[in-house]
PDB file of N, CA and C in Angstrom:
ATOM      1  N   MET A   1      85.915 132.471  59.390  1.00  0.00           N
ATOM      2  CA  MET A   1      87.144 131.806  59.759  1.00  0.00           C
ATOM      3  C   MET A   1      87.095 130.359  59.254  1.00  0.00           C
ATOM      4  N   GLU A   2      88.125 129.963  58.570  1.00  0.00           N
ATOM      5  CA  GLU A   2      88.178 128.612  58.022  1.00  0.00           C
ATOM      6  C   GLU A   2      88.749 127.641  59.044  1.00  0.00           C
ATOM      7  N   ILE A   3      88.088 126.508  59.177  1.00  0.00           N
ATOM      8  CA  ILE A   3      88.532 125.471  60.104  1.00  0.00           C
ATOM      9  C   ILE A   3      89.529 124.574  59.368  1.00  0.00           C
ATOM     10  N   GLU A   4      90.641 124.263  60.018  1.00  0.00           N
ATOM     11  CA  GLU A   4      91.668 123.420  59.418  1.00  0.00           C
ATOM     12  C   GLU A   4      91.170 121.983  59.288  1.00  0.00           C
ATOM     13  N   ILE A   5      91.471 121.375  58.149  1.00  0.00           N
ATOM     14  CA  ILE A   5      91.135 119.967  57.927  1.00  0.00           C
ATOM     15  C   ILE A   5      92.424 119.168  57.932  1.00  0.00           C
ATOM     16  N   VAL A   6      92.451 118.130  58.763  1.00  0.00           N
ATOM     17  CA  VAL A   6      93.635 117.289  58.930  1.00  0.00           C
ATOM     18  C   VAL A   6      93.288 115.867  58.496  1.00  0.00           C
ATOM     19  N   TRP A   7      94.114 115.296  57.632  1.00  0.00           N
ATOM     20  CA  TRP A   7      93.925 113.922  57.164  1.00  0.00           C
ATOM     21  C   TRP A   7      94.762 112.977  58.013  1.00  0.00           C
ATOM     22  N   THR A   8      94.163 111.921  58.534  1.00  0.00           N
ATOM     23  CA  THR A   8      94.924 110.885  59.230  1.00  0.00           C
ATOM     24  C   THR A   8      95.519 109.945  58.185  1.00  0.00           C
ATOM     25  N   GLU A   9      96.476 109.135  58.613  1.00  0.00           N
ATOM     26  CA  GLU A   9      97.076 108.149  57.700  1.00  0.00           C
ATOM     27  C   GLU A   9      96.010 107.190  57.173  1.00  0.00           C
ATOM     28  N   ARG A  10      95.106 106.794  58.036  1.00  0.00           N
ATOM     29  CA  ARG A  10      94.033 105.873  57.629  1.00  0.00           C
ATOM     30  C   ARG A  10      93.125 106.522  56.590  1.00  0.00           C
ATOM     31  N   ALA A  11      92.844 107.813  56.740  1.00  0.00           N
ATOM     32  CA  ALA A  11      92.011 108.522  55.767  1.00  0.00           C
ATOM     33  C   ALA A  11      92.712 108.589  54.412  1.00  0.00           C
ATOM     34  N   ILE A  12      93.999 108.879  54.427  1.00  0.00           N
ATOM     35  CA  ILE A  12      94.765 108.932  53.175  1.00  0.00           C
ATOM     36  C   ILE A  12      94.752 107.569  52.496  1.00  0.00           C
ATOM     37  N   HIS A  13      94.991 106.526  53.284  1.00  0.00           N
ATOM     38  CA  HIS A  13      95.026 105.166  52.735  1.00  0.00           C
ATOM     39  C   HIS A  13      93.670 104.772  52.133  1.00  0.00           C
ATOM     40  N   SER A  14      92.599 105.002  52.853  1.00  0.00           N
ATOM     41  CA  SER A  14      91.276 104.608  52.355  1.00  0.00           C
ATOM     42  C   SER A  14      90.852 105.469  51.162  1.00  0.00           C
ATOM     43  N   TYR A  15      91.248 106.736  51.142  1.00  0.00           N
ATOM     44  CA  TYR A  15      90.985 107.624  49.999  1.00  0.00           C
ATOM     45  C   TYR A  15      91.703 107.088  48.758  1.00  0.00           C
ATOM     46  N   ASN A  16      92.973 106.734  48.912  1.00  0.00           N
ATOM     47  CA  ASN A  16      93.746 106.204  47.784  1.00  0.00           C
ATOM     48  C   ASN A  16      93.158 104.901  47.255  1.00  0.00           C
ATOM     49  N   LYS A  17      92.631 104.069  48.149  1.00  0.00           N
ATOM     50  CA  LYS A  17      91.991 102.825  47.723  1.00  0.00           C
ATOM     51  C   LYS A  17      90.755 103.109  46.871  1.00  0.00           C
ATOM     52  N   ILE A  18      89.986 104.121  47.252  1.00  0.00           N
ATOM     53  CA  ILE A  18      88.791 104.486  46.485  1.00  0.00           C
ATOM     54  C   ILE A  18      89.190 104.983  45.099  1.00  0.00           C
ATOM     55  N   ILE A  19      90.172 105.854  45.040  1.00  0.00           N
ATOM     56  CA  ILE A  19      90.622 106.389  43.748  1.00  0.00           C
ATOM     57  C   ILE A  19      91.134 105.249  42.869  1.00  0.00           C
ATOM     58  N   LYS A  20      91.928 104.369  43.435  1.00  0.00           N
ATOM     59  CA  LYS A  20      92.453 103.232  42.683  1.00  0.00           C
ATOM     60  C   LYS A  20      91.308 102.365  42.145  1.00  0.00           C
ATOM     61  N   TYR A  21      90.334 102.087  42.991  1.00  0.00           N
ATOM     62  CA  TYR A  21      89.178 101.285  42.574  1.00  0.00           C
ATOM     63  C   TYR A  21      88.435 101.963  41.423  1.00  0.00           C
ATOM     64  N   LEU A  22      88.182 103.256  41.552  1.00  0.00           N
ATOM     65  CA  LEU A  22      87.445 103.979  40.510  1.00  0.00           C
ATOM     66  C   LEU A  22      88.203 103.977  39.183  1.00  0.00           C
ATOM     67  N   LEU A  23      89.500 104.165  39.238  1.00  0.00           N
ATOM     68  CA  LEU A  23      90.303 104.172  38.018  1.00  0.00           C
ATOM     69  C   LEU A  23      90.374 102.788  37.367  1.00  0.00           C
ATOM     70  N   GLU A  24      90.443 101.746  38.171  1.00  0.00           N
ATOM     71  CA  GLU A  24      90.554 100.390  37.637  1.00  0.00           C
ATOM     72  C   GLU A  24      89.224  99.832  37.144  1.00  0.00           C
ATOM     73  N   ASN A  25      88.123 100.205  37.812  1.00  0.00           N
ATOM     74  CA  ASN A  25      86.837  99.597  37.499  1.00  0.00           C
ATOM     75  C   ASN A  25      85.855 100.525  36.795  1.00  0.00           C
ATOM     76  N   TRP A  26      86.125 101.795  36.778  1.00  0.00           N
ATOM     77  CA  TRP A  26      85.248 102.741  36.101  1.00  0.00           C
ATOM     78  C   TRP A  26      86.087 103.506  35.085  1.00  0.00           C
ATOM     79  N   ASN A  27      86.337 104.788  35.367  1.00  0.00           N
ATOM     80  CA  ASN A  27      87.191 105.555  34.462  1.00  0.00           C
ATOM     81  C   ASN A  27      87.659 106.824  35.163  1.00  0.00           C
ATOM     82  N   GLU A  28      88.501 107.566  34.480  1.00  0.00           N
ATOM     83  CA  GLU A  28      89.081 108.772  35.077  1.00  0.00           C
ATOM     84  C   GLU A  28      88.024 109.833  35.376  1.00  0.00           C
ATOM     85  N   THR A  29      86.996 109.913  34.551  1.00  0.00           N
ATOM     86  CA  THR A  29      85.933 110.897  34.768  1.00  0.00           C
ATOM     87  C   THR A  29      85.212 110.641  36.086  1.00  0.00           C
ATOM     88  N   VAL A  30      84.910 109.395  36.375  1.00  0.00           N
ATOM     89  CA  VAL A  30      84.234 109.043  37.629  1.00  0.00           C
ATOM     90  C   VAL A  30      85.141 109.376  38.819  1.00  0.00           C
ATOM     91  N   ALA A  31      86.422 109.064  38.708  1.00  0.00           N
ATOM     92  CA  ALA A  31      87.373 109.383  39.777  1.00  0.00           C
ATOM     93  C   ALA A  31      87.465 110.897  39.971  1.00  0.00           C
ATOM     94  N   ASP A  32      87.538 111.634  38.872  1.00  0.00           N
ATOM     95  CA  ASP A  32      87.599 113.103  38.949  1.00  0.00           C
ATOM     96  C   ASP A  32      86.343 113.672  39.594  1.00  0.00           C
ATOM     97  N   ASP A  33      85.183 113.120  39.242  1.00  0.00           N
ATOM     98  CA  ASP A  33      83.922 113.581  39.837  1.00  0.00           C
ATOM     99  C   ASP A  33      83.915 113.359  41.351  1.00  0.00           C
ATOM    100  N   PHE A  34      84.426 112.205  41.778  1.00  0.00           N
ATOM    101  CA  PHE A  34      84.515 111.918  43.214  1.00  0.00           C
ATOM    102  C   PHE A  34      85.392 112.964  43.913  1.00  0.00           C
ATOM    103  N   VAL A  35      86.540 113.274  43.324  1.00  0.00           N
ATOM    104  CA  VAL A  35      87.465 114.253  43.911  1.00  0.00           C
ATOM    105  C   VAL A  35      86.802 115.627  43.987  1.00  0.00           C
ATOM    106  N   ILE A  36      86.096 116.019  42.949  1.00  0.00           N
ATOM    107  CA  ILE A  36      85.424 117.329  42.931  1.00  0.00           C
ATOM    108  C   ILE A  36      84.361 117.413  44.019  1.00  0.00           C
ATOM    109  N   VAL A  37      83.526 116.380  44.123  1.00  0.00           N
ATOM    110  CA  VAL A  37      82.468 116.374  45.148  1.00  0.00           C
ATOM    111  C   VAL A  37      83.086 116.408  46.537  1.00  0.00           C
ATOM    112  N   LEU A  38      84.139 115.629  46.743  1.00  0.00           N
ATOM    113  CA  LEU A  38      84.806 115.609  48.049  1.00  0.00           C
ATOM    114  C   LEU A  38      85.371 116.989  48.391  1.00  0.00           C
ATOM    115  N   LYS A  39      86.046 117.620  47.441  1.00  0.00           N
ATOM    116  CA  LYS A  39      86.606 118.964  47.685  1.00  0.00           C
ATOM    117  C   LYS A  39      85.518 119.970  48.043  1.00  0.00           C
ATOM    118  N   GLU A  40      84.395 119.894  47.341  1.00  0.00           N
ATOM    119  CA  GLU A  40      83.277 120.804  47.634  1.00  0.00           C
ATOM    120  C   GLU A  40      82.743 120.576  49.050  1.00  0.00           C
ATOM    121  N   GLN A  41      82.561 119.312  49.418  1.00  0.00           N
ATOM    122  CA  GLN A  41      82.054 118.983  50.754  1.00  0.00           C
ATOM    123  C   GLN A  41      83.038 119.439  51.836  1.00  0.00           C
ATOM    124  N   LEU A  42      84.334 119.190  51.616  1.00  0.00           N
ATOM    125  CA  LEU A  42      85.340 119.588  52.601  1.00  0.00           C
ATOM    126  C   LEU A  42      85.431 121.109  52.724  1.00  0.00           C
ATOM    127  N   HIS A  43      85.277 121.806  51.609  1.00  0.00           N
ATOM    128  CA  HIS A  43      85.301 123.270  51.662  1.00  0.00           C
ATOM    129  C   HIS A  43      84.136 123.792  52.509  1.00  0.00           C
ATOM    130  N   LEU A  44      82.938 123.280  52.254  1.00  0.00           N
ATOM    131  CA  LEU A  44      81.775 123.708  53.036  1.00  0.00           C
ATOM    132  C   LEU A  44      81.942 123.346  54.510  1.00  0.00           C
ATOM    133  N   LEU A  45      82.470 122.168  54.766  1.00  0.00           N
ATOM    134  CA  LEU A  45      82.711 121.730  56.135  1.00  0.00           C
ATOM    135  C   LEU A  45      83.706 122.653  56.832  1.00  0.00           C
ATOM    136  N   SER A  46      84.773 123.025  56.126  1.00  0.00           N
ATOM    137  CA  SER A  46      85.797 123.899  56.708  1.00  0.00           C
ATOM    138  C   SER A  46      85.277 125.311  56.962  1.00  0.00           C
ATOM    139  N   GLN A  47      84.246 125.708  56.248  1.00  0.00           N
ATOM    140  CA  GLN A  47      83.642 127.020  56.439  1.00  0.00           C
ATOM    141  C   GLN A  47      82.616 127.022  57.568  1.00  0.00           C
ATOM    142  N   GLY A  48      82.312 125.827  58.076  1.00  0.00           N
ATOM    143  CA  GLY A  48      81.311 125.719  59.131  1.00  0.00           C
ATOM    144  C   GLY A  48      79.897 125.785  58.590  1.00  0.00           C
ATOM    145  N   ASN A  49      79.755 125.635  57.257  1.00  0.00           N
ATOM    146  CA  ASN A  49      78.449 125.746  56.610  1.00  0.00           C
ATOM    147  C   ASN A  49      77.734 124.417  56.447  1.00  0.00           C
ATOM    148  N   LEU A  50      78.351 123.353  56.907  1.00  0.00           N
ATOM    149  CA  LEU A  50      77.793 122.044  56.668  1.00  0.00           C
ATOM    150  C   LEU A  50      78.102 121.148  57.861  1.00  0.00           C
ATOM    151  N   HIS A  51      77.088 120.456  58.320  1.00  0.00           N
ATOM    152  CA  HIS A  51      77.274 119.496  59.400  1.00  0.00           C
ATOM    153  C   HIS A  51      76.579 118.210  59.003  1.00  0.00           C
ATOM    154  N   PHE A  52      77.205 117.111  59.316  1.00  0.00           N
ATOM    155  CA  PHE A  52      76.659 115.815  58.950  1.00  0.00           C
ATOM    156  C   PHE A  52      76.135 115.111  60.185  1.00  0.00           C
ATOM    157  N   LYS A  53      75.505 113.967  59.960  1.00  0.00           N
ATOM    158  CA  LYS A  53      74.883 113.263  61.084  1.00  0.00           C
ATOM    159  C   LYS A  53      75.941 112.657  62.002  1.00  0.00           C
ATOM    160  N   LYS A  54      75.579 112.598  63.270  1.00  0.00           N
ATOM    161  CA  LYS A  54      76.473 111.988  64.254  1.00  0.00           C
ATOM    162  C   LYS A  54      76.459 110.482  64.078  1.00  0.00           C
ATOM    163  N   SER A  55      77.611 109.905  64.272  1.00  0.00           N
ATOM    164  CA  SER A  55      77.767 108.457  64.219  1.00  0.00           C
ATOM    165  C   SER A  55      77.249 107.862  65.520  1.00  0.00           C
ATOM    166  N   LYS A  56      77.122 106.553  65.554  1.00  0.00           N
ATOM    167  CA  LYS A  56      76.734 105.889  66.793  1.00  0.00           C
ATOM    168  C   LYS A  56      77.845 105.997  67.829  1.00  0.00           C
ATOM    169  N   LYS A  57      79.086 106.161  67.345  1.00  0.00           N
ATOM    170  CA  LYS A  57      80.207 106.363  68.264  1.00  0.00           C
ATOM    171  C   LYS A  57      80.223 107.826  68.691  1.00  0.00           C
ATOM    172  N   LYS A  58      80.598 108.061  69.915  1.00  0.00           N
ATOM    173  CA  LYS A  58      80.615 109.418  70.445  1.00  0.00           C
ATOM    174  C   LYS A  58      81.566 110.314  69.667  1.00  0.00           C
ATOM    175  N   LYS A  59      81.112 111.503  69.400  1.00  0.00           N
ATOM    176  CA  LYS A  59      81.909 112.572  68.805  1.00  0.00           C
ATOM    177  C   LYS A  59      82.415 112.294  67.393  1.00  0.00           C
ATOM    178  N   LEU A  60      81.843 111.307  66.710  1.00  0.00           N
ATOM    179  CA  LEU A  60      82.193 111.055  65.318  1.00  0.00           C
ATOM    180  C   LEU A  60      81.024 111.452  64.436  1.00  0.00           C
ATOM    181  N   PHE A  61      81.347 111.883  63.218  1.00  0.00           N
ATOM    182  CA  PHE A  61      80.337 112.282  62.250  1.00  0.00           C
ATOM    183  C   PHE A  61      80.524 111.476  60.973  1.00  0.00           C
ATOM    184  N   GLU A  62      79.422 111.261  60.249  1.00  0.00           N
ATOM    185  CA  GLU A  62      79.446 110.527  59.000  1.00  0.00           C
ATOM    186  C   GLU A  62      78.935 111.429  57.882  1.00  0.00           C
ATOM    187  N   ALA A  63      79.761 111.605  56.863  1.00  0.00           N
ATOM    188  CA  ALA A  63      79.395 112.436  55.719  1.00  0.00           C
ATOM    189  C   ALA A  63      79.285 111.540  54.492  1.00  0.00           C
ATOM    190  N   LEU A  64      78.114 111.481  53.899  1.00  0.00           N
ATOM    191  CA  LEU A  64      77.921 110.708  52.686  1.00  0.00           C
ATOM    192  C   LEU A  64      78.449 111.546  51.521  1.00  0.00           C
ATOM    193  N   ILE A  65      79.559 111.114  50.940  1.00  0.00           N
ATOM    194  CA  ILE A  65      80.181 111.853  49.842  1.00  0.00           C
ATOM    195  C   ILE A  65      79.513 111.479  48.526  1.00  0.00           C
ATOM    196  N   THR A  66      79.393 110.192  48.263  1.00  0.00           N
ATOM    197  CA  THR A  66      78.604 109.671  47.150  1.00  0.00           C
ATOM    198  C   THR A  66      77.742 108.558  47.729  1.00  0.00           C
ATOM    199  N   LYS A  67      76.887 107.980  46.913  1.00  0.00           N
ATOM    200  CA  LYS A  67      76.014 106.938  47.471  1.00  0.00           C
ATOM    201  C   LYS A  67      76.796 105.697  47.894  1.00  0.00           C
ATOM    202  N   HIS A  68      78.055 105.586  47.462  1.00  0.00           N
ATOM    203  CA  HIS A  68      78.871 104.430  47.819  1.00  0.00           C
ATOM    204  C   HIS A  68      80.044 104.760  48.743  1.00  0.00           C
ATOM    205  N   ASN A  69      80.221 106.032  49.101  1.00  0.00           N
ATOM    206  CA  ASN A  69      81.393 106.426  49.892  1.00  0.00           C
ATOM    207  C   ASN A  69      81.024 107.363  51.035  1.00  0.00           C
ATOM    208  N   LEU A  70      81.388 106.922  52.217  1.00  0.00           N
ATOM    209  CA  LEU A  70      81.089 107.636  53.446  1.00  0.00           C
ATOM    210  C   LEU A  70      82.403 108.093  54.074  1.00  0.00           C
ATOM    211  N   LEU A  71      82.435 109.312  54.546  1.00  0.00           N
ATOM    212  CA  LEU A  71      83.598 109.840  55.246  1.00  0.00           C
ATOM    213  C   LEU A  71      83.271 109.909  56.731  1.00  0.00           C
ATOM    214  N   VAL A  72      84.148 109.367  57.555  1.00  0.00           N
ATOM    215  CA  VAL A  72      83.979 109.448  59.005  1.00  0.00           C
ATOM    216  C   VAL A  72      85.022 110.444  59.513  1.00  0.00           C
ATOM    217  N   TYR A  73      84.568 111.411  60.311  1.00  0.00           N
ATOM    218  CA  TYR A  73      85.461 112.445  60.821  1.00  0.00           C
ATOM    219  C   TYR A  73      85.054 112.844  62.229  1.00  0.00           C
ATOM    220  N   ARG A  74      85.928 113.600  62.868  1.00  0.00           N
ATOM    221  CA  ARG A  74      85.581 114.160  64.180  1.00  0.00           C
ATOM    222  C   ARG A  74      86.037 115.610  64.226  1.00  0.00           C
ATOM    223  N   GLU A  75      85.360 116.351  65.071  1.00  0.00           N
ATOM    224  CA  GLU A  75      85.697 117.758  65.262  1.00  0.00           C
ATOM    225  C   GLU A  75      86.558 117.891  66.509  1.00  0.00           C
ATOM    226  N   ARG A  76      87.638 118.596  66.363  1.00  0.00           N
ATOM    227  CA  ARG A  76      88.546 118.903  67.469  1.00  0.00           C
ATOM    228  C   ARG A  76      88.585 120.413  67.617  1.00  0.00           C
ATOM    229  N   LYS A  77      89.356 120.906  68.557  1.00  0.00           N
ATOM    230  CA  LYS A  77      89.481 122.357  68.722  1.00  0.00           C
ATOM    231  C   LYS A  77      89.996 122.970  67.426  1.00  0.00           C
ATOM    232  N   ASN A  78      89.187 123.785  66.805  1.00  0.00           N
ATOM    233  CA  ASN A  78      89.552 124.531  65.603  1.00  0.00           C
ATOM    234  C   ASN A  78      90.067 123.686  64.451  1.00  0.00           C
ATOM    235  N   LYS A  79      89.725 122.402  64.412  1.00  0.00           N
ATOM    236  CA  LYS A  79      90.095 121.584  63.260  1.00  0.00           C
ATOM    237  C   LYS A  79      89.143 120.402  63.115  1.00  0.00           C
ATOM    238  N   ILE A  80      89.136 119.871  61.907  1.00  0.00           N
ATOM    239  CA  ILE A  80      88.343 118.694  61.592  1.00  0.00           C
ATOM    240  C   ILE A  80      89.327 117.608  61.196  1.00  0.00           C
ATOM    241  N   GLU A  81      89.211 116.460  61.846  1.00  0.00           N
ATOM    242  CA  GLU A  81      90.132 115.364  61.608  1.00  0.00           C
ATOM    243  C   GLU A  81      89.414 114.285  60.785  1.00  0.00           C
ATOM    244  N   LEU A  82      89.884 114.090  59.546  1.00  0.00           N
ATOM    245  CA  LEU A  82      89.320 113.057  58.684  1.00  0.00           C
ATOM    246  C   LEU A  82      89.898 111.718  59.122  1.00  0.00           C
ATOM    247  N   LEU A  83      89.031 110.784  59.485  1.00  0.00           N
ATOM    248  CA  LEU A  83      89.487 109.511  60.032  1.00  0.00           C
ATOM    249  C   LEU A  83      89.612 108.422  58.979  1.00  0.00           C
ATOM    250  N   TYR A  84      88.570 108.216  58.186  1.00  0.00           N
ATOM    251  CA  TYR A  84      88.640 107.210  57.131  1.00  0.00           C
ATOM    252  C   TYR A  84      87.428 107.309  56.219  1.00  0.00           C
ATOM    253  N   PHE A  85      87.567 106.724  55.034  1.00  0.00           N
ATOM    254  CA  PHE A  85      86.476 106.586  54.086  1.00  0.00           C
ATOM    255  C   PHE A  85      85.987 105.151  54.154  1.00  0.00           C
ATOM    256  N   PHE A  86      84.701 104.972  53.954  1.00  0.00           N
ATOM    257  CA  PHE A  86      84.090 103.653  54.056  1.00  0.00           C
ATOM    258  C   PHE A  86      83.196 103.425  52.853  1.00  0.00           C
ATOM    259  N   ASP A  87      83.327 102.267  52.216  1.00  0.00           N
ATOM    260  CA  ASP A  87      82.473 101.893  51.101  1.00  0.00           C
ATOM    261  C   ASP A  87      81.154 101.387  51.684  1.00  0.00           C
ATOM    262  N   THR A  88      80.069 102.043  51.358  1.00  0.00           N
ATOM    263  CA  THR A  88      78.772 101.714  51.956  1.00  0.00           C
ATOM    264  C   THR A  88      78.243 100.359  51.525  1.00  0.00           C
ATOM    265  N   ARG A  89      78.880  99.737  50.527  1.00  0.00           N
ATOM    266  CA  ARG A  89      78.456  98.408  50.103  1.00  0.00           C
ATOM    267  C   ARG A  89      79.059  97.315  50.978  1.00  0.00           C
ATOM    268  N   GLN A  90      79.986  97.680  51.849  1.00  0.00           N
ATOM    269  CA  GLN A  90      80.588  96.722  52.763  1.00  0.00           C
ATOM    270  C   GLN A  90      79.640  96.458  53.925  1.00  0.00           C
ATOM    271  N   HIS A  91      79.911  95.380  54.618  1.00  0.00           N
ATOM    272  CA  HIS A  91      79.110  95.055  55.804  1.00  0.00           C
ATOM    273  C   HIS A  91      79.350  96.136  56.855  1.00  0.00           C
ATOM    274  N   PRO A  92      78.304  96.650  57.496  1.00  0.00           N
ATOM    275  CA  PRO A  92      78.450  97.735  58.473  1.00  0.00           C
ATOM    276  C   PRO A  92      79.420  97.450  59.620  1.00  0.00           C
ATOM    277  N   ILE A  93      79.588  96.193  59.975  1.00  0.00           N
ATOM    278  CA  ILE A  93      80.486  95.874  61.085  1.00  0.00           C
ATOM    279  C   ILE A  93      81.941  96.252  60.745  1.00  0.00           C
ATOM    280  N   LYS A  94      82.280  96.281  59.454  1.00  0.00           N
ATOM    281  CA  LYS A  94      83.629  96.643  59.033  1.00  0.00           C
ATOM    282  C   LYS A  94      83.902  98.134  59.253  1.00  0.00           C
ATOM    283  N   LYS A  95      82.868  98.919  59.435  1.00  0.00           N
ATOM    284  CA  LYS A  95      83.028 100.359  59.625  1.00  0.00           C
ATOM    285  C   LYS A  95      83.689 100.680  60.963  1.00  0.00           C
ATOM    286  N   ARG A  96      83.612  99.772  61.888  1.00  0.00           N
ATOM    287  CA  ARG A  96      84.201  99.996  63.209  1.00  0.00           C
ATOM    288  C   ARG A  96      85.676 100.025  63.073  1.00  0.00           C
TER     289      ARG A  96
END
């Protein structure tokens, strides 16, 4: 049974910022690679085949998508709610 994945507005916004950054500062191939890795991770997550480490905040999980991009999400009844993406090069206090 596949678990539904729901994107919050904040997740969409932070995802778009990452794509924009990659396209402006790297190239389309790097952006495409990020999208492919993210899709693979989300597919495994939706299948229940992958679990990431718990965050310091209750009921939140952190998934390292690339060495510079972290996805914060939570599990709800029969769905996974993507909360936001975080650039790991930022100061950790900004992750809150």
